[in-house]
N, C-alpha and C. Protein backbone atom coordinates (compact mmCIF):
# COMPACT_ATOMS: atom_id res chain seq x y z
N MET A 1 0.73 -1.12 -0.04
CA MET A 1 0.00 0.02 -0.03
C MET A 1 0.77 1.20 -0.01
N SER A 2 0.67 2.06 -1.08
CA SER A 2 1.48 3.28 -1.10
C SER A 2 0.66 4.38 -0.90
N ALA A 3 0.17 4.63 0.34
CA ALA A 3 -0.84 5.57 0.74
C ALA A 3 -0.19 6.93 0.97
N ILE A 4 -0.72 8.05 0.63
CA ILE A 4 -0.40 9.49 0.98
C ILE A 4 -1.23 9.95 1.97
N PRO A 5 -0.77 10.05 3.18
CA PRO A 5 -1.67 10.59 4.25
C PRO A 5 -1.98 11.98 4.23
N ILE A 6 -3.15 12.43 4.00
CA ILE A 6 -3.51 13.82 4.04
C ILE A 6 -4.90 13.99 4.88
N ALA A 7 -4.96 15.29 5.34
CA ALA A 7 -6.17 15.65 6.11
C ALA A 7 -7.11 16.59 5.33
N LEU A 8 -8.07 16.15 4.98
CA LEU A 8 -8.96 17.05 4.24
C LEU A 8 -9.87 17.85 5.25
N GLU A 9 -10.24 19.19 4.80
CA GLU A 9 -11.12 19.99 5.50
C GLU A 9 -12.46 19.57 5.25
N GLY A 10 -13.11 18.93 6.25
CA GLY A 10 -14.46 18.29 5.91
C GLY A 10 -15.51 19.28 5.55
N SER A 11 -15.53 20.55 6.01
CA SER A 11 -16.58 21.40 5.64
C SER A 11 -16.49 21.87 4.19
N ARG A 12 -15.39 21.56 3.50
CA ARG A 12 -15.21 21.92 2.11
C ARG A 12 -15.34 20.71 1.26
N ILE A 13 -15.80 19.72 1.70
CA ILE A 13 -15.87 18.39 0.93
C ILE A 13 -17.33 17.91 0.70
N SER A 14 -17.66 17.61 -0.53
CA SER A 14 -18.95 16.83 -0.69
C SER A 14 -18.64 15.38 -1.13
N ALA A 15 -19.43 14.51 -0.52
CA ALA A 15 -19.17 13.19 -0.65
C ALA A 15 -20.51 12.32 -1.05
N LEU A 16 -20.33 11.18 -1.81
CA LEU A 16 -21.38 10.39 -2.16
C LEU A 16 -21.07 9.01 -1.63
N VAL A 17 -22.07 8.45 -0.89
CA VAL A 17 -21.93 7.19 -0.38
C VAL A 17 -22.99 6.29 -1.10
N VAL A 18 -22.59 5.21 -1.70
CA VAL A 18 -23.53 4.28 -2.41
C VAL A 18 -23.63 3.04 -1.46
N GLY A 19 -24.74 2.75 -0.87
CA GLY A 19 -24.96 1.76 0.12
C GLY A 19 -25.34 2.24 1.43
N GLY A 20 -26.48 1.62 1.90
CA GLY A 20 -27.09 2.11 3.09
C GLY A 20 -27.01 1.07 4.28
N GLY A 21 -26.08 0.07 4.18
CA GLY A 21 -26.02 -0.79 5.21
C GLY A 21 -24.99 -0.38 6.28
N ILE A 22 -24.43 -1.31 7.06
CA ILE A 22 -23.57 -1.06 8.15
C ILE A 22 -22.42 -0.20 7.77
N VAL A 23 -21.72 -0.78 6.78
CA VAL A 23 -20.48 -0.17 6.27
C VAL A 23 -20.70 1.30 5.65
N GLY A 24 -21.84 1.40 4.89
CA GLY A 24 -22.19 2.67 4.26
C GLY A 24 -22.52 3.67 5.45
N THR A 25 -23.26 3.22 6.35
CA THR A 25 -23.75 4.06 7.44
C THR A 25 -22.53 4.52 8.33
N ARG A 26 -21.57 3.63 8.49
CA ARG A 26 -20.33 4.21 9.23
C ARG A 26 -19.65 5.17 8.52
N LYS A 27 -19.54 4.93 7.21
CA LYS A 27 -18.72 5.92 6.46
C LYS A 27 -19.39 7.28 6.30
N ALA A 28 -20.73 7.23 6.08
CA ALA A 28 -21.50 8.42 5.96
C ALA A 28 -21.55 9.21 7.23
N ALA A 29 -21.64 8.58 8.48
CA ALA A 29 -21.59 9.09 9.65
C ALA A 29 -20.30 9.84 10.11
N ALA A 30 -19.31 9.14 9.62
CA ALA A 30 -17.95 9.73 9.94
C ALA A 30 -17.74 10.95 8.98
N LEU A 31 -18.19 10.99 7.81
CA LEU A 31 -18.00 12.14 6.91
C LEU A 31 -18.90 13.29 7.49
N ALA A 32 -20.10 13.06 7.81
CA ALA A 32 -21.01 14.13 8.33
C ALA A 32 -20.41 14.60 9.67
N ALA A 33 -19.85 13.94 10.57
CA ALA A 33 -19.23 14.33 11.70
C ALA A 33 -18.09 15.32 11.50
N SER A 34 -17.49 15.05 10.37
CA SER A 34 -16.27 16.00 10.01
C SER A 34 -16.72 17.19 9.28
N GLY A 35 -18.05 17.34 9.08
CA GLY A 35 -18.54 18.57 8.41
C GLY A 35 -18.78 18.55 6.91
N ALA A 36 -18.62 17.38 6.37
CA ALA A 36 -18.78 17.11 4.93
C ALA A 36 -20.27 17.09 4.60
N ARG A 37 -20.65 17.44 3.46
CA ARG A 37 -21.98 17.25 2.95
C ARG A 37 -21.99 15.92 2.25
N VAL A 38 -23.10 15.02 2.65
CA VAL A 38 -23.06 13.73 2.26
C VAL A 38 -24.33 13.34 1.53
N ARG A 39 -24.23 12.68 0.52
CA ARG A 39 -25.48 12.26 -0.28
C ARG A 39 -25.27 10.69 -0.17
N VAL A 40 -26.34 9.86 0.15
CA VAL A 40 -26.30 8.50 0.26
C VAL A 40 -27.42 7.94 -0.72
N ILE A 41 -26.93 7.07 -1.58
CA ILE A 41 -27.93 6.37 -2.56
C ILE A 41 -28.03 4.86 -2.04
N ALA A 42 -29.20 4.37 -1.90
CA ALA A 42 -29.51 3.04 -1.56
C ALA A 42 -31.02 2.81 -1.45
N PRO A 43 -31.49 1.58 -1.99
CA PRO A 43 -32.95 1.39 -1.80
C PRO A 43 -33.38 1.21 -0.52
N ALA A 44 -32.62 0.97 0.39
CA ALA A 44 -32.91 0.68 1.80
C ALA A 44 -32.01 1.37 2.73
N MET A 45 -32.36 2.16 3.68
CA MET A 45 -31.45 2.93 4.64
C MET A 45 -31.55 2.36 5.88
N SER A 46 -30.37 2.34 6.63
CA SER A 46 -30.33 1.95 8.05
C SER A 46 -31.00 3.04 8.86
N PRO A 47 -31.58 2.61 9.99
CA PRO A 47 -32.12 3.44 10.95
C PRO A 47 -31.25 4.74 11.39
N GLU A 48 -29.95 4.50 11.47
CA GLU A 48 -29.06 5.59 11.88
C GLU A 48 -28.91 6.68 10.74
N LEU A 49 -28.92 6.03 9.50
CA LEU A 49 -29.00 6.98 8.36
C LEU A 49 -30.23 7.99 8.38
N GLU A 50 -31.35 7.25 8.60
CA GLU A 50 -32.64 8.04 8.65
C GLU A 50 -32.55 9.03 9.65
N SER A 51 -31.96 8.74 10.94
CA SER A 51 -31.84 9.63 11.97
C SER A 51 -30.84 10.72 11.58
N LEU A 52 -29.72 10.56 10.93
CA LEU A 52 -28.88 11.61 10.47
C LEU A 52 -29.45 12.47 9.55
N ALA A 53 -30.14 11.95 8.66
CA ALA A 53 -30.83 12.87 7.68
C ALA A 53 -31.93 13.68 8.35
N ALA A 54 -32.69 13.12 9.35
CA ALA A 54 -33.82 13.79 9.93
C ALA A 54 -33.26 14.90 10.91
N THR A 55 -32.09 14.70 11.58
CA THR A 55 -31.75 15.70 12.56
C THR A 55 -30.71 16.74 12.19
N GLY A 56 -30.29 16.63 10.90
CA GLY A 56 -29.32 17.71 10.46
C GLY A 56 -29.49 17.94 9.04
N ASP A 57 -28.55 18.87 8.42
CA ASP A 57 -28.67 19.13 7.05
C ASP A 57 -27.46 18.76 6.20
N ARG A 58 -26.56 17.88 6.88
CA ARG A 58 -25.43 17.51 6.13
C ARG A 58 -25.67 16.13 5.33
N VAL A 59 -26.65 15.38 5.64
CA VAL A 59 -26.99 14.13 4.97
C VAL A 59 -28.26 14.10 4.12
N THR A 60 -28.13 13.72 2.97
CA THR A 60 -29.43 13.57 2.07
C THR A 60 -29.37 12.20 1.60
N LEU A 61 -30.63 11.65 1.65
CA LEU A 61 -30.81 10.27 1.28
C LEU A 61 -31.64 10.23 -0.03
N VAL A 62 -31.08 9.26 -0.79
CA VAL A 62 -31.79 9.07 -2.23
C VAL A 62 -32.13 7.48 -2.04
N ARG A 63 -33.43 7.25 -1.90
CA ARG A 63 -33.82 5.84 -1.50
C ARG A 63 -34.20 5.18 -2.83
N GLU A 64 -33.22 4.89 -3.66
CA GLU A 64 -33.30 4.29 -4.96
C GLU A 64 -32.09 3.46 -5.32
N LYS A 65 -32.18 2.42 -6.26
CA LYS A 65 -31.11 1.86 -6.74
C LYS A 65 -30.30 2.80 -7.49
N TYR A 66 -28.98 2.45 -7.49
CA TYR A 66 -27.95 3.32 -8.18
C TYR A 66 -28.12 3.28 -9.74
N GLU A 67 -28.12 4.39 -10.23
CA GLU A 67 -28.03 4.59 -11.69
C GLU A 67 -27.04 5.59 -12.05
N PRO A 68 -26.15 5.46 -13.13
CA PRO A 68 -25.23 6.43 -13.54
C PRO A 68 -25.65 7.79 -13.48
N SER A 69 -26.91 8.06 -13.94
CA SER A 69 -27.41 9.55 -13.97
C SER A 69 -27.43 10.06 -12.62
N MET A 70 -27.27 9.29 -11.47
CA MET A 70 -27.39 9.96 -10.13
C MET A 70 -26.06 10.50 -9.78
N LEU A 71 -24.95 10.27 -10.51
CA LEU A 71 -23.69 10.73 -10.09
C LEU A 71 -23.78 12.35 -10.02
N GLY A 72 -23.21 13.03 -9.12
CA GLY A 72 -23.16 14.43 -9.04
C GLY A 72 -21.81 15.14 -9.16
N ASP A 73 -21.63 16.18 -8.39
CA ASP A 73 -20.34 16.81 -8.55
C ASP A 73 -19.38 16.55 -7.21
N GLU A 74 -19.77 15.45 -6.52
CA GLU A 74 -19.05 15.03 -5.30
C GLU A 74 -17.65 14.82 -5.65
N GLN A 75 -16.73 15.29 -4.67
CA GLN A 75 -15.29 15.02 -4.95
C GLN A 75 -14.90 13.65 -4.64
N ILE A 76 -15.60 13.15 -3.53
CA ILE A 76 -15.04 11.66 -3.37
C ILE A 76 -16.49 10.74 -3.27
N VAL A 77 -16.21 9.48 -3.72
CA VAL A 77 -17.19 8.60 -3.77
C VAL A 77 -16.94 7.40 -2.92
N LEU A 78 -17.76 6.96 -1.99
CA LEU A 78 -17.43 5.72 -1.29
C LEU A 78 -18.54 4.74 -1.57
N VAL A 79 -18.07 3.50 -2.03
CA VAL A 79 -18.92 2.42 -2.50
C VAL A 79 -18.98 1.26 -1.45
N ALA A 80 -20.20 0.85 -0.99
CA ALA A 80 -20.29 -0.03 0.14
C ALA A 80 -21.64 -0.83 -0.02
N THR A 81 -21.83 -1.38 -1.38
CA THR A 81 -23.06 -2.15 -1.40
C THR A 81 -22.69 -3.58 -1.24
N ASN A 82 -23.61 -4.49 -1.17
CA ASN A 82 -23.38 -5.97 -0.93
C ASN A 82 -23.28 -6.67 -2.32
N SER A 83 -23.08 -5.90 -3.35
CA SER A 83 -22.96 -6.47 -4.78
C SER A 83 -21.62 -6.06 -5.45
N THR A 84 -20.88 -6.99 -5.69
CA THR A 84 -19.56 -6.71 -6.32
C THR A 84 -19.81 -6.00 -7.72
N LYS A 85 -20.78 -6.49 -8.49
CA LYS A 85 -21.06 -5.91 -9.77
C LYS A 85 -21.34 -4.44 -9.55
N VAL A 86 -22.38 -4.11 -8.64
CA VAL A 86 -22.74 -2.80 -8.51
C VAL A 86 -21.50 -1.82 -7.99
N ASN A 87 -20.74 -2.39 -7.09
CA ASN A 87 -19.61 -1.78 -6.53
C ASN A 87 -18.58 -1.23 -7.95
N ALA A 88 -18.43 -2.29 -8.64
CA ALA A 88 -17.58 -2.02 -9.79
C ALA A 88 -18.07 -1.07 -10.73
N LYS A 89 -19.38 -1.10 -10.94
CA LYS A 89 -19.99 -0.06 -11.90
C LYS A 89 -19.85 1.22 -11.29
N VAL A 90 -20.20 1.55 -10.01
CA VAL A 90 -20.19 2.85 -9.44
C VAL A 90 -18.82 3.35 -9.32
N ALA A 91 -17.91 2.47 -9.02
CA ALA A 91 -16.45 2.89 -9.06
C ALA A 91 -15.94 3.40 -10.35
N SER A 92 -16.26 2.54 -11.41
CA SER A 92 -15.89 3.07 -12.74
C SER A 92 -16.56 4.18 -13.28
N ASP A 93 -17.86 4.35 -13.04
CA ASP A 93 -18.53 5.65 -13.36
C ASP A 93 -18.01 6.93 -12.63
N ALA A 94 -17.75 6.69 -11.32
CA ALA A 94 -17.24 7.81 -10.58
C ALA A 94 -15.90 8.30 -10.96
N ALA A 95 -14.97 7.30 -11.22
CA ALA A 95 -13.66 7.53 -11.66
C ALA A 95 -13.52 8.17 -12.90
N ALA A 96 -14.55 7.82 -13.88
CA ALA A 96 -14.55 8.44 -15.27
C ALA A 96 -14.86 9.89 -15.04
N ARG A 97 -15.56 10.26 -14.10
CA ARG A 97 -15.98 11.76 -13.91
C ARG A 97 -14.92 12.48 -12.98
N GLY A 98 -13.78 11.77 -12.58
CA GLY A 98 -12.74 12.47 -12.05
C GLY A 98 -12.80 12.43 -10.49
N ALA A 99 -13.79 11.71 -9.82
CA ALA A 99 -13.92 11.67 -8.53
C ALA A 99 -12.94 10.51 -7.91
N LEU A 100 -12.61 10.72 -6.72
CA LEU A 100 -11.66 9.87 -5.98
C LEU A 100 -12.63 8.82 -5.35
N VAL A 101 -12.36 7.52 -5.43
CA VAL A 101 -13.18 6.46 -5.20
C VAL A 101 -12.61 5.49 -4.05
N ASN A 102 -13.49 5.19 -3.24
CA ASN A 102 -13.20 4.17 -2.10
C ASN A 102 -14.15 2.99 -2.30
N ARG A 103 -13.71 1.74 -2.47
CA ARG A 103 -14.39 0.54 -2.54
C ARG A 103 -14.20 -0.17 -1.24
N ALA A 104 -15.28 -0.44 -0.51
CA ALA A 104 -15.18 -1.13 0.74
C ALA A 104 -14.78 -2.55 0.51
N ASP A 105 -15.29 -3.16 -0.63
CA ASP A 105 -15.06 -4.66 -0.81
C ASP A 105 -13.65 -4.93 -1.36
N LEU A 106 -13.09 -3.92 -2.11
CA LEU A 106 -11.70 -3.99 -2.71
C LEU A 106 -10.87 -2.98 -2.36
N PRO A 107 -10.35 -2.75 -1.28
CA PRO A 107 -9.54 -1.64 -0.82
C PRO A 107 -8.37 -1.33 -1.80
N ASP A 108 -7.77 -2.38 -2.30
CA ASP A 108 -6.50 -2.29 -3.24
C ASP A 108 -7.00 -1.55 -4.61
N GLU A 109 -8.20 -1.57 -4.77
CA GLU A 109 -8.66 -0.72 -6.09
C GLU A 109 -9.19 0.49 -5.70
N SER A 110 -8.96 1.02 -4.65
CA SER A 110 -9.41 2.40 -4.09
C SER A 110 -8.47 3.45 -4.42
N HIS A 111 -8.97 4.71 -4.59
CA HIS A 111 -7.95 5.80 -4.73
C HIS A 111 -7.63 6.25 -3.42
N PHE A 112 -8.47 6.10 -2.32
CA PHE A 112 -8.15 6.56 -1.00
C PHE A 112 -8.68 5.46 -0.01
N HIS A 113 -8.25 5.57 1.16
CA HIS A 113 -8.85 4.77 2.23
C HIS A 113 -9.28 5.59 3.52
N THR A 114 -10.34 5.12 3.96
CA THR A 114 -10.80 5.88 5.21
C THR A 114 -10.01 5.36 6.46
N MET A 115 -9.86 6.23 7.47
CA MET A 115 -9.07 5.83 8.63
C MET A 115 -9.82 5.57 9.70
N ALA A 116 -9.24 4.80 10.73
CA ALA A 116 -9.79 4.70 12.03
C ALA A 116 -9.23 5.93 12.78
N VAL A 117 -10.24 6.81 13.21
CA VAL A 117 -9.87 8.09 13.67
C VAL A 117 -10.11 8.28 15.20
N HIS A 118 -9.19 9.05 15.77
CA HIS A 118 -9.48 9.46 17.21
C HIS A 118 -9.20 11.06 17.23
N ARG A 119 -10.08 11.70 18.02
CA ARG A 119 -10.06 13.15 18.03
C ARG A 119 -9.89 13.46 19.50
N CYS A 120 -8.84 14.50 19.69
CA CYS A 120 -8.70 14.98 21.14
C CYS A 120 -8.41 16.46 20.85
N GLY A 121 -9.54 17.24 21.11
CA GLY A 121 -9.25 18.63 20.89
C GLY A 121 -8.96 18.86 19.36
N ASP A 122 -7.84 19.74 19.13
CA ASP A 122 -7.37 19.84 17.81
C ASP A 122 -6.51 18.77 17.17
N ILE A 123 -6.21 17.71 18.04
CA ILE A 123 -5.30 16.64 17.63
C ILE A 123 -6.30 15.55 16.86
N VAL A 124 -5.91 15.13 15.74
CA VAL A 124 -6.53 14.12 14.97
C VAL A 124 -5.62 13.02 14.58
N VAL A 125 -5.86 11.82 15.09
CA VAL A 125 -5.05 10.63 14.63
C VAL A 125 -5.71 9.77 13.83
N GLY A 126 -5.22 9.45 12.84
CA GLY A 126 -5.84 8.44 11.68
C GLY A 126 -4.85 7.32 11.42
N VAL A 127 -5.49 6.07 11.43
CA VAL A 127 -4.73 4.92 11.18
C VAL A 127 -5.38 4.10 10.14
N ILE A 128 -4.43 3.48 9.10
CA ILE A 128 -4.92 2.54 8.16
C ILE A 128 -3.97 1.38 8.37
N ALA A 129 -4.56 0.17 7.99
CA ALA A 129 -3.83 -1.03 8.29
C ALA A 129 -4.02 -2.03 7.18
N GLY A 130 -3.52 -1.65 5.95
CA GLY A 130 -3.40 -2.50 4.80
C GLY A 130 -4.86 -3.10 4.47
N GLY A 131 -5.87 -2.27 4.69
CA GLY A 131 -7.30 -2.71 4.30
C GLY A 131 -7.95 -3.58 5.32
N VAL A 132 -7.43 -3.64 6.54
CA VAL A 132 -7.97 -4.42 7.64
C VAL A 132 -8.49 -3.37 8.63
N PRO A 133 -9.66 -2.92 8.57
CA PRO A 133 -10.12 -1.96 9.42
C PRO A 133 -10.26 -2.25 10.97
N ALA A 134 -10.50 -3.55 11.31
CA ALA A 134 -10.57 -3.90 12.56
C ALA A 134 -9.21 -3.73 13.30
N ALA A 135 -8.14 -4.10 12.54
CA ALA A 135 -6.80 -3.93 13.15
C ALA A 135 -6.45 -2.41 13.31
N ALA A 136 -6.91 -1.58 12.29
CA ALA A 136 -6.66 -0.22 12.47
C ALA A 136 -7.37 0.41 13.61
N ALA A 137 -8.53 -0.01 13.85
CA ALA A 137 -9.27 0.44 15.09
C ALA A 137 -8.55 -0.06 16.41
N ARG A 138 -8.01 -1.17 16.39
CA ARG A 138 -7.32 -1.63 17.69
C ARG A 138 -6.02 -0.68 17.95
N ILE A 139 -5.26 -0.36 16.78
CA ILE A 139 -4.18 0.37 16.93
C ILE A 139 -4.41 1.80 17.26
N ARG A 140 -5.65 2.23 16.75
CA ARG A 140 -6.07 3.64 17.09
C ARG A 140 -6.38 3.73 18.47
N ASP A 141 -7.06 2.76 19.01
CA ASP A 141 -7.48 2.73 20.39
C ASP A 141 -6.26 2.60 21.32
N ALA A 142 -5.22 2.01 20.88
CA ALA A 142 -4.06 1.97 21.83
C ALA A 142 -3.41 3.35 21.78
N ILE A 143 -3.44 4.01 20.76
CA ILE A 143 -2.84 5.35 20.66
C ILE A 143 -3.70 6.41 21.54
N ALA A 144 -4.99 6.17 21.35
CA ALA A 144 -5.86 7.09 22.10
C ALA A 144 -5.78 7.10 23.54
N LYS A 145 -5.34 5.92 24.08
CA LYS A 145 -5.22 5.86 25.58
C LYS A 145 -4.24 6.82 26.02
N LYS A 146 -3.16 7.18 25.16
CA LYS A 146 -2.12 8.14 25.64
C LYS A 146 -2.61 9.52 25.57
N LEU A 147 -3.57 9.88 24.64
CA LEU A 147 -3.83 11.16 24.43
C LEU A 147 -5.10 11.58 25.24
N ASP A 148 -4.95 12.46 26.15
CA ASP A 148 -6.04 12.94 27.00
C ASP A 148 -6.19 14.44 26.95
N GLY A 149 -6.86 15.09 27.86
CA GLY A 149 -7.04 16.45 27.98
C GLY A 149 -5.72 17.24 28.13
N ARG A 150 -4.74 16.69 28.66
CA ARG A 150 -3.51 17.50 28.78
C ARG A 150 -2.88 17.76 27.46
N TYR A 151 -3.03 16.80 26.49
CA TYR A 151 -2.47 17.07 25.12
C TYR A 151 -3.35 18.10 24.35
N ALA A 152 -4.75 17.98 24.56
CA ALA A 152 -5.60 18.95 23.95
C ALA A 152 -5.35 20.37 24.39
N ASN A 153 -5.20 20.46 25.73
CA ASN A 153 -4.90 21.77 26.35
C ASN A 153 -3.47 22.26 25.87
N ALA A 154 -2.59 21.45 25.60
CA ALA A 154 -1.21 21.96 25.21
C ALA A 154 -1.26 22.45 23.77
N ILE A 155 -2.00 21.73 22.87
CA ILE A 155 -2.03 22.07 21.45
C ILE A 155 -2.85 23.40 21.48
N SER A 156 -3.95 23.54 22.27
CA SER A 156 -4.75 24.78 22.25
C SER A 156 -3.82 25.93 22.64
N ALA A 157 -3.08 25.84 23.77
CA ALA A 157 -2.19 26.82 24.10
C ALA A 157 -1.13 27.26 23.04
N LEU A 158 -0.59 26.15 22.40
CA LEU A 158 0.39 26.47 21.36
C LEU A 158 -0.27 27.16 20.20
N ARG A 159 -1.46 26.82 19.73
CA ARG A 159 -2.11 27.51 18.76
C ARG A 159 -2.36 29.06 19.17
N ARG A 160 -2.72 29.35 20.28
CA ARG A 160 -2.96 30.75 20.82
C ARG A 160 -1.57 31.51 20.76
N PHE A 161 -0.47 30.85 21.17
CA PHE A 161 0.73 31.45 21.18
C PHE A 161 1.23 31.88 19.77
N ARG A 162 1.02 30.83 18.94
CA ARG A 162 1.44 30.93 17.46
C ARG A 162 0.67 32.12 16.82
N PHE A 163 -0.60 32.21 17.13
CA PHE A 163 -1.34 33.24 16.44
C PHE A 163 -0.93 34.66 16.90
N LYS A 164 -0.62 34.73 18.28
CA LYS A 164 -0.36 35.92 18.88
C LYS A 164 1.05 36.49 18.39
N ALA A 165 1.95 35.49 18.42
CA ALA A 165 3.30 35.68 17.95
C ALA A 165 3.50 36.26 16.39
N GLN A 166 2.58 35.45 15.52
CA GLN A 166 2.69 35.86 14.15
C GLN A 166 2.03 37.25 13.94
N ALA A 167 1.25 37.59 14.78
CA ALA A 167 0.61 38.85 14.56
C ALA A 167 1.40 40.12 15.23
N THR A 168 2.38 39.76 16.09
CA THR A 168 3.25 40.85 16.77
C THR A 168 4.62 40.49 16.32
N LYS A 169 5.29 39.53 17.06
CA LYS A 169 6.69 39.29 16.99
C LYS A 169 6.91 37.91 16.47
N PRO A 170 6.98 37.63 15.16
CA PRO A 170 7.13 36.20 14.70
C PRO A 170 8.46 35.59 15.17
N GLU A 171 9.43 36.30 15.65
CA GLU A 171 10.64 35.66 16.13
C GLU A 171 10.28 34.98 17.41
N ASP A 172 9.39 35.45 18.16
CA ASP A 172 8.94 34.84 19.38
C ASP A 172 8.47 33.48 19.30
N TRP A 173 7.72 33.18 18.19
CA TRP A 173 7.37 31.70 17.94
C TRP A 173 8.49 30.75 17.80
N ALA A 174 9.60 31.24 17.17
CA ALA A 174 10.75 30.31 17.13
C ALA A 174 11.38 29.98 18.48
N LYS A 175 11.35 31.03 19.37
CA LYS A 175 11.91 30.79 20.71
C LYS A 175 10.98 29.90 21.53
N LEU A 176 9.65 30.08 21.36
CA LEU A 176 8.75 29.39 22.15
C LEU A 176 8.78 27.94 21.65
N GLN A 177 8.83 27.65 20.42
CA GLN A 177 8.97 26.26 19.86
C GLN A 177 10.28 25.52 20.51
N GLU A 178 11.23 26.24 20.54
CA GLU A 178 12.64 25.71 21.10
C GLU A 178 12.30 25.29 22.59
N GLN A 179 11.63 26.13 23.16
CA GLN A 179 11.47 25.96 24.69
C GLN A 179 10.40 24.91 24.90
N LEU A 180 9.26 24.91 24.20
CA LEU A 180 8.20 24.15 24.56
C LEU A 180 8.04 22.87 23.75
N ILE A 181 8.58 22.81 22.65
CA ILE A 181 8.24 21.65 21.76
C ILE A 181 9.69 20.84 21.43
N GLY A 182 10.34 20.54 22.42
CA GLY A 182 11.54 19.82 22.22
C GLY A 182 11.32 18.29 22.29
N ASP A 183 12.42 17.64 22.29
CA ASP A 183 12.27 16.17 22.22
C ASP A 183 11.64 15.67 23.39
N ASP A 184 11.65 16.35 24.54
CA ASP A 184 10.84 15.89 25.72
C ASP A 184 9.42 16.43 25.79
N PHE A 185 8.89 16.94 24.61
CA PHE A 185 7.62 17.48 24.63
C PHE A 185 6.47 16.65 25.28
N CYS A 186 6.39 15.33 24.87
CA CYS A 186 5.34 14.37 25.44
C CYS A 186 5.53 14.23 26.88
N ALA A 187 6.83 14.10 27.27
CA ALA A 187 7.04 13.73 28.67
C ALA A 187 6.63 15.03 29.55
N HIS A 188 6.91 16.24 28.99
CA HIS A 188 6.55 17.54 29.76
C HIS A 188 4.99 17.64 29.72
N VAL A 189 4.37 17.31 28.76
CA VAL A 189 2.87 17.45 28.75
C VAL A 189 2.25 16.49 29.82
N GLU A 190 2.71 15.25 29.79
CA GLU A 190 2.33 14.31 30.88
C GLU A 190 2.58 14.58 32.18
N SER A 191 3.86 15.14 32.42
CA SER A 191 4.19 15.44 33.82
C SER A 191 3.66 16.77 34.29
N GLY A 192 3.04 17.59 33.41
CA GLY A 192 2.51 18.87 33.91
C GLY A 192 3.59 20.08 33.76
N LYS A 193 4.86 19.77 33.31
CA LYS A 193 5.76 20.74 33.26
C LYS A 193 5.47 21.73 32.03
N PHE A 194 4.92 21.06 30.92
CA PHE A 194 4.50 21.87 29.72
C PHE A 194 3.55 23.01 30.33
N SER A 195 2.44 22.72 30.96
CA SER A 195 1.67 23.63 31.50
C SER A 195 2.30 24.82 32.33
N GLU A 196 3.28 24.21 33.15
CA GLU A 196 4.01 25.32 34.00
C GLU A 196 4.70 26.39 33.11
N ASP A 197 5.54 25.68 32.14
CA ASP A 197 6.37 26.54 31.20
C ASP A 197 5.49 27.46 30.44
N ALA A 198 4.35 26.90 29.82
CA ALA A 198 3.42 27.73 29.10
C ALA A 198 2.93 28.94 29.68
N ASN A 199 2.72 28.89 31.07
CA ASN A 199 2.12 30.00 31.81
C ASN A 199 3.13 31.13 31.71
N GLY A 200 4.28 30.88 31.54
CA GLY A 200 5.27 32.06 31.41
C GLY A 200 5.11 32.75 29.98
N TRP A 201 4.56 32.12 29.07
CA TRP A 201 4.30 32.69 27.74
C TRP A 201 2.97 33.31 27.52
N ALA A 202 2.03 33.10 28.63
CA ALA A 202 0.73 33.62 28.51
C ALA A 202 0.56 35.03 28.48
């Protein structure tokens, strides 16, 4: 797998999910939670999808079987039906229109892979594991145990300092990074020393 890890700004993304079962629901819910606009095509929708569509404006449901004419201008297309033939057709049609495609049944034929994600404040950790999502989730959970509110607070403070320094004295940001984000950054966050040092820059 020669993956290029990137983080897309969800609020600027429109996505199409074809498939209303467990996998399609999980992918649509994750996209909507990231702020993306999501359209789901499937003859039958899960209760969770129905709830997402009813309680917000990010998810639109098309309760029909897929037809090529249904493709829109979505930048990414995620295919998760229980039919290999339908998945192949959707993937081919979407790719021909220039969309990036993810196939749940054949990860190696996808343009991109969805990740097992953990969010902690402004920290986002994503894991892929060779097309084995259950393994990716286990690895994500192991990483997540280390990331708690101390890290979220540290990153929040650093963002404030960076914004303030760039608006006044950019050279201060270089000094701050040298002091606060050294090789022992994680140890200092976990021991509380980062918080103590950061107070001197407030």
